[in-house]
PDB file of N, CA and C in Angstrom:
ATOM      1  N   UNK A   1     126.268  40.337  11.193  1.00  0.00           N
ATOM      2  CA  UNK A   1     124.821  40.292  11.247  1.00  0.00           C
ATOM      3  C   UNK A   1     124.307  41.623  11.768  1.00  0.00           C
ATOM      4  N   UNK A   2     123.386  42.258  11.094  1.00  0.00           N
ATOM      5  CA  UNK A   2     122.819  43.532  11.510  1.00  0.00           C
ATOM      6  C   UNK A   2     121.704  43.266  12.499  1.00  0.00           C
ATOM      7  N   UNK A   3     121.782  43.890  13.672  1.00  0.00           N
ATOM      8  CA  UNK A   3     120.757  43.708  14.682  1.00  0.00           C
ATOM      9  C   UNK A   3     119.697  44.784  14.555  1.00  0.00           C
ATOM     10  N   UNK A   4     118.653  44.659  15.357  1.00  0.00           N
ATOM     11  CA  UNK A   4     117.526  45.574  15.284  1.00  0.00           C
ATOM     12  C   UNK A   4     117.945  47.010  15.550  1.00  0.00           C
ATOM     13  N   UNK A   5     118.919  47.227  16.422  1.00  0.00           N
ATOM     14  CA  UNK A   5     119.371  48.566  16.753  1.00  0.00           C
ATOM     15  C   UNK A   5     120.323  49.155  15.732  1.00  0.00           C
ATOM     16  N   UNK A   6     120.627  48.430  14.645  1.00  0.00           N
ATOM     17  CA  UNK A   6     121.515  48.940  13.617  1.00  0.00           C
ATOM     18  C   UNK A   6     122.982  48.662  13.907  1.00  0.00           C
ATOM     19  N   UNK A   7     123.267  47.846  14.925  1.00  0.00           N
ATOM     20  CA  UNK A   7     124.636  47.530  15.289  1.00  0.00           C
ATOM     21  C   UNK A   7     125.176  46.451  14.348  1.00  0.00           C
ATOM     22  N   UNK A   8     126.434  46.580  13.955  1.00  0.00           N
ATOM     23  CA  UNK A   8     127.027  45.591  13.059  1.00  0.00           C
ATOM     24  C   UNK A   8     127.454  44.329  13.791  1.00  0.00           C
ATOM     25  N   UNK A   9     127.630  44.403  15.092  1.00  0.00           N
ATOM     26  CA  UNK A   9     128.034  43.251  15.886  1.00  0.00           C
ATOM     27  C   UNK A   9     126.885  42.823  16.774  1.00  0.00           C
ATOM     28  N   UNK A  10     126.635  41.537  16.850  1.00  0.00           N
ATOM     29  CA  UNK A  10     125.585  41.006  17.705  1.00  0.00           C
ATOM     30  C   UNK A  10     126.093  41.042  19.143  1.00  0.00           C
ATOM     31  N   UNK A  11     125.476  41.872  20.003  1.00  0.00           N
ATOM     32  CA  UNK A  11     125.953  42.018  21.372  1.00  0.00           C
ATOM     33  C   UNK A  11     125.154  41.191  22.361  1.00  0.00           C
ATOM     34  N   UNK A  12     124.279  40.335  21.912  1.00  0.00           N
ATOM     35  CA  UNK A  12     123.526  39.481  22.819  1.00  0.00           C
ATOM     36  C   UNK A  12     122.058  39.460  22.470  1.00  0.00           C
ATOM     37  N   UNK A  13     121.273  38.816  23.309  1.00  0.00           N
ATOM     38  CA  UNK A  13     119.845  38.695  23.088  1.00  0.00           C
ATOM     39  C   UNK A  13     119.127  39.963  23.548  1.00  0.00           C
ATOM     40  N   UNK A  14     117.986  40.241  22.938  1.00  0.00           N
ATOM     41  CA  UNK A  14     117.188  41.399  23.321  1.00  0.00           C
ATOM     42  C   UNK A  14     116.767  41.265  24.778  1.00  0.00           C
ATOM     43  N   UNK A  15     116.821  42.365  25.527  1.00  0.00           N
ATOM     44  CA  UNK A  15     116.434  42.343  26.918  1.00  0.00           C
ATOM     45  C   UNK A  15     117.523  41.869  27.865  1.00  0.00           C
ATOM     46  N   UNK A  16     118.618  41.387  27.319  1.00  0.00           N
ATOM     47  CA  UNK A  16     119.719  40.895  28.129  1.00  0.00           C
ATOM     48  C   UNK A  16     120.501  42.087  28.676  1.00  0.00           C
ATOM     49  N   UNK A  17     120.803  42.084  29.974  1.00  0.00           N
ATOM     50  CA  UNK A  17     121.563  43.183  30.550  1.00  0.00           C
ATOM     51  C   UNK A  17     122.952  42.697  30.921  1.00  0.00           C
ATOM     52  N   UNK A  18     123.947  43.470  30.524  1.00  0.00           N
ATOM     53  CA  UNK A  18     125.332  43.166  30.826  1.00  0.00           C
ATOM     54  C   UNK A  18     126.035  44.489  31.108  1.00  0.00           C
ATOM     55  N   UNK A  19     126.989  44.470  32.040  1.00  0.00           N
ATOM     56  CA  UNK A  19     127.738  45.691  32.296  1.00  0.00           C
ATOM     57  C   UNK A  19     128.687  45.972  31.141  1.00  0.00           C
ATOM     58  N   UNK A  20     129.276  44.955  30.567  1.00  0.00           N
ATOM     59  CA  UNK A  20     130.140  45.098  29.403  1.00  0.00           C
ATOM     60  C   UNK A  20     129.722  44.051  28.376  1.00  0.00           C
ATOM     61  N   UNK A  21     129.016  44.469  27.314  1.00  0.00           N
ATOM     62  CA  UNK A  21     128.578  43.480  26.323  1.00  0.00           C
ATOM     63  C   UNK A  21     129.767  42.835  25.622  1.00  0.00           C
ATOM     64  N   UNK A  22     129.633  41.547  25.358  1.00  0.00           N
ATOM     65  CA  UNK A  22     130.679  40.820  24.648  1.00  0.00           C
ATOM     66  C   UNK A  22     130.351  40.833  23.162  1.00  0.00           C
ATOM     67  N   UNK A  23     131.270  41.356  22.362  1.00  0.00           N
ATOM     68  CA  UNK A  23     131.065  41.407  20.922  1.00  0.00           C
ATOM     69  C   UNK A  23     131.287  40.031  20.331  1.00  0.00           C
ATOM     70  N   UNK A  24     130.451  39.665  19.380  1.00  0.00           N
ATOM     71  CA  UNK A  24     130.551  38.357  18.743  1.00  0.00           C
ATOM     72  C   UNK A  24     130.972  38.486  17.289  1.00  0.00           C
ATOM     73  N   UNK A  25     131.832  39.474  16.998  1.00  0.00           N
ATOM     74  CA  UNK A  25     132.344  39.590  15.633  1.00  0.00           C
ATOM     75  C   UNK A  25     133.859  39.721  15.697  1.00  0.00           C
ATOM     76  N   UNK A  26     134.508  39.376  14.635  1.00  0.00           N
ATOM     77  CA  UNK A  26     135.964  39.400  14.592  1.00  0.00           C
ATOM     78  C   UNK A  26     136.475  40.834  14.660  1.00  0.00           C
ATOM     79  N   UNK A  27     137.460  41.068  15.474  1.00  0.00           N
ATOM     80  CA  UNK A  27     138.091  42.379  15.573  1.00  0.00           C
ATOM     81  C   UNK A  27     139.320  42.353  14.671  1.00  0.00           C
ATOM     82  N   UNK A  28     139.319  43.202  13.657  1.00  0.00           N
ATOM     83  CA  UNK A  28     140.454  43.244  12.761  1.00  0.00           C
ATOM     84  C   UNK A  28     140.736  44.687  12.371  1.00  0.00           C
ATOM     85  N   UNK A  29     141.968  44.945  12.028  1.00  0.00           N
ATOM     86  CA  UNK A  29     142.357  46.286  11.621  1.00  0.00           C
ATOM     87  C   UNK A  29     141.828  46.587  10.229  1.00  0.00           C
ATOM     88  N   UNK A  30     141.367  47.808  10.057  1.00  0.00           N
ATOM     89  CA  UNK A  30     140.879  48.250   8.758  1.00  0.00           C
ATOM     90  C   UNK A  30     141.802  49.347   8.269  1.00  0.00           C
ATOM     91  N   UNK A  31     142.350  49.183   7.083  1.00  0.00           N
ATOM     92  CA  UNK A  31     143.219  50.201   6.513  1.00  0.00           C
ATOM     93  C   UNK A  31     142.362  51.195   5.736  1.00  0.00           C
ATOM     94  N   UNK A  32     142.500  52.465   6.062  1.00  0.00           N
ATOM     95  CA  UNK A  32     141.741  53.518   5.402  1.00  0.00           C
ATOM     96  C   UNK A  32     142.691  54.303   4.508  1.00  0.00           C
ATOM     97  N   UNK A  33     142.317  54.441   3.248  1.00  0.00           N
ATOM     98  CA  UNK A  33     143.137  55.164   2.290  1.00  0.00           C
ATOM     99  C   UNK A  33     142.373  56.371   1.774  1.00  0.00           C
ATOM    100  N   UNK A  34     142.998  57.523   1.831  1.00  0.00           N
ATOM    101  CA  UNK A  34     142.394  58.745   1.317  1.00  0.00           C
ATOM    102  C   UNK A  34     143.046  59.040  -0.032  1.00  0.00           C
ATOM    103  N   UNK A  35     142.347  58.673  -1.094  1.00  0.00           N
ATOM    104  CA  UNK A  35     142.898  58.914  -2.419  1.00  0.00           C
ATOM    105  C   UNK A  35     142.068  59.936  -3.200  1.00  0.00           C
ATOM    106  N   UNK A  36     141.276  60.735  -2.460  1.00  0.00           N
ATOM    107  CA  UNK A  36     140.498  61.785  -3.106  1.00  0.00           C
ATOM    108  C   UNK A  36     141.438  62.919  -3.501  1.00  0.00           C
ATOM    109  N   UNK A  37     141.107  63.617  -4.585  1.00  0.00           N
ATOM    110  CA  UNK A  37     141.936  64.767  -4.963  1.00  0.00           C
ATOM    111  C   UNK A  37     141.783  65.892  -3.938  1.00  0.00           C
ATOM    112  N   UNK A  38     142.717  66.838  -3.942  1.00  0.00           N
ATOM    113  CA  UNK A  38     142.674  67.969  -3.001  1.00  0.00           C
ATOM    114  C   UNK A  38     141.377  68.758  -3.168  1.00  0.00           C
ATOM    115  N   UNK A  39     140.961  68.977  -4.404  1.00  0.00           N
ATOM    116  CA  UNK A  39     139.708  69.674  -4.697  1.00  0.00           C
ATOM    117  C   UNK A  39     138.794  68.704  -5.438  1.00  0.00           C
ATOM    118  N   UNK A  40     137.589  68.507  -4.927  1.00  0.00           N
ATOM    119  CA  UNK A  40     136.635  67.600  -5.545  1.00  0.00           C
ATOM    120  C   UNK A  40     135.660  68.426  -6.381  1.00  0.00           C
ATOM    121  N   UNK A  41     135.605  68.178  -7.686  1.00  0.00           N
ATOM    122  CA  UNK A  41     134.704  68.966  -8.528  1.00  0.00           C
ATOM    123  C   UNK A  41     133.232  68.654  -8.233  1.00  0.00           C
ATOM    124  N   UNK A  42     132.418  69.709  -8.172  1.00  0.00           N
ATOM    125  CA  UNK A  42     130.985  69.577  -7.923  1.00  0.00           C
ATOM    126  C   UNK A  42     130.264  70.411  -8.976  1.00  0.00           C
ATOM    127  N   UNK A  43     129.270  69.824  -9.618  1.00  0.00           N
ATOM    128  CA  UNK A  43     128.542  70.548 -10.666  1.00  0.00           C
ATOM    129  C   UNK A  43     127.530  71.507 -10.045  1.00  0.00           C
ATOM    130  N   UNK A  44     127.072  72.461 -10.826  1.00  0.00           N
ATOM    131  CA  UNK A  44     126.062  73.418 -10.384  1.00  0.00           C
ATOM    132  C   UNK A  44     124.774  72.700  -9.970  1.00  0.00           C
ATOM    133  N   UNK A  45     124.397  71.656 -10.709  1.00  0.00           N
ATOM    134  CA  UNK A  45     123.188  70.893 -10.379  1.00  0.00           C
ATOM    135  C   UNK A  45     123.339  70.206  -9.017  1.00  0.00           C
ATOM    136  N   UNK A  46     124.521  69.698  -8.712  1.00  0.00           N
ATOM    137  CA  UNK A  46     124.764  69.057  -7.419  1.00  0.00           C
ATOM    138  C   UNK A  46     124.679  70.074  -6.283  1.00  0.00           C
ATOM    139  N   UNK A  47     125.215  71.267  -6.502  1.00  0.00           N
ATOM    140  CA  UNK A  47     125.143  72.327  -5.491  1.00  0.00           C
ATOM    141  C   UNK A  47     123.693  72.700  -5.222  1.00  0.00           C
ATOM    142  N   UNK A  48     122.894  72.848  -6.273  1.00  0.00           N
ATOM    143  CA  UNK A  48     121.480  73.197  -6.102  1.00  0.00           C
ATOM    144  C   UNK A  48     120.736  72.107  -5.321  1.00  0.00           C
ATOM    145  N   UNK A  49     121.044  70.853  -5.603  1.00  0.00           N
ATOM    146  CA  UNK A  49     120.384  69.752  -4.900  1.00  0.00           C
ATOM    147  C   UNK A  49     120.784  69.732  -3.423  1.00  0.00           C
ATOM    148  N   UNK A  50     122.061  69.916  -3.143  1.00  0.00           N
ATOM    149  CA  UNK A  50     122.533  69.952  -1.754  1.00  0.00           C
ATOM    150  C   UNK A  50     121.867  71.096  -1.000  1.00  0.00           C
ATOM    151  N   UNK A  51     121.804  72.265  -1.630  1.00  0.00           N
ATOM    152  CA  UNK A  51     121.169  73.419  -0.986  1.00  0.00           C
ATOM    153  C   UNK A  51     119.670  73.185  -0.769  1.00  0.00           C
ATOM    154  N   UNK A  52     119.002  72.542  -1.727  1.00  0.00           N
ATOM    155  CA  UNK A  52     117.566  72.290  -1.601  1.00  0.00           C
ATOM    156  C   UNK A  52     117.266  71.334  -0.446  1.00  0.00           C
ATOM    157  N   UNK A  53     118.056  70.282  -0.305  1.00  0.00           N
ATOM    158  CA  UNK A  53     117.778  69.269   0.706  1.00  0.00           C
ATOM    159  C   UNK A  53     118.423  69.557   2.058  1.00  0.00           C
ATOM    160  N   UNK A  54     119.583  70.204   2.057  1.00  0.00           N
ATOM    161  CA  UNK A  54     120.319  70.401   3.303  1.00  0.00           C
ATOM    162  C   UNK A  54     120.538  71.864   3.656  1.00  0.00           C
ATOM    163  N   UNK A  55     119.918  72.784   2.935  1.00  0.00           N
ATOM    164  CA  UNK A  55     120.124  74.213   3.150  1.00  0.00           C
ATOM    165  C   UNK A  55     119.843  74.647   4.576  1.00  0.00           C
ATOM    166  N   UNK A  56     118.710  74.235   5.143  1.00  0.00           N
ATOM    167  CA  UNK A  56     118.355  74.629   6.509  1.00  0.00           C
ATOM    168  C   UNK A  56     119.372  74.094   7.516  1.00  0.00           C
ATOM    169  N   UNK A  57     119.785  72.855   7.339  1.00  0.00           N
ATOM    170  CA  UNK A  57     120.761  72.253   8.238  1.00  0.00           C
ATOM    171  C   UNK A  57     122.109  72.953   8.117  1.00  0.00           C
ATOM    172  N   UNK A  58     122.539  73.230   6.891  1.00  0.00           N
ATOM    173  CA  UNK A  58     123.818  73.912   6.685  1.00  0.00           C
ATOM    174  C   UNK A  58     123.788  75.318   7.274  1.00  0.00           C
ATOM    175  N   UNK A  59     122.660  76.035   7.122  1.00  0.00           N
ATOM    176  CA  UNK A  59     122.523  77.364   7.727  1.00  0.00           C
ATOM    177  C   UNK A  59     122.597  77.282   9.247  1.00  0.00           C
ATOM    178  N   UNK A  60     121.996  76.253   9.810  1.00  0.00           N
ATOM    179  CA  UNK A  60     122.011  76.072  11.261  1.00  0.00           C
ATOM    180  C   UNK A  60     123.441  75.797  11.755  1.00  0.00           C
ATOM    181  N   UNK A  61     124.199  74.990  10.989  1.00  0.00           N
ATOM    182  CA  UNK A  61     125.545  74.630  11.395  1.00  0.00           C
ATOM    183  C   UNK A  61     126.552  75.749  11.156  1.00  0.00           C
ATOM    184  N   UNK A  62     126.481  76.396   9.985  1.00  0.00           N
ATOM    185  CA  UNK A  62     127.507  77.346   9.584  1.00  0.00           C
ATOM    186  C   UNK A  62     127.036  78.788   9.488  1.00  0.00           C
ATOM    187  N   UNK A  63     125.744  79.015   9.623  1.00  0.00           N
ATOM    188  CA  UNK A  63     125.175  80.355   9.454  1.00  0.00           C
ATOM    189  C   UNK A  63     124.818  80.580   7.997  1.00  0.00           C
ATOM    190  N   UNK A  64     123.970  81.591   7.743  1.00  0.00           N
ATOM    191  CA  UNK A  64     123.565  81.858   6.364  1.00  0.00           C
ATOM    192  C   UNK A  64     124.731  82.412   5.532  1.00  0.00           C
ATOM    193  N   UNK A  65     124.623  82.268   4.236  1.00  0.00           N
ATOM    194  CA  UNK A  65     125.646  82.808   3.338  1.00  0.00           C
ATOM    195  C   UNK A  65     125.606  84.329   3.391  1.00  0.00           C
ATOM    196  N   UNK A  66     126.765  84.963   3.267  1.00  0.00           N
ATOM    197  CA  UNK A  66     126.805  86.440   3.288  1.00  0.00           C
ATOM    198  C   UNK A  66     126.172  87.038   2.057  1.00  0.00           C
TER     199      UNK A  66
END
């Protein structure tokens, strides 16, 4: 159940204070598989879109392109 705070586990009622919240969802192991190729092809149109929407953020994180 998704709660108001975006948490996947219901940790109690709103306004309730607990030092250690008790999770009310099943704890199970999740197997993660990385089956992506070593190099992921990206089209020129995809690069332009990424640069248009995330260019400022990418420059802030990695610096401007040389």
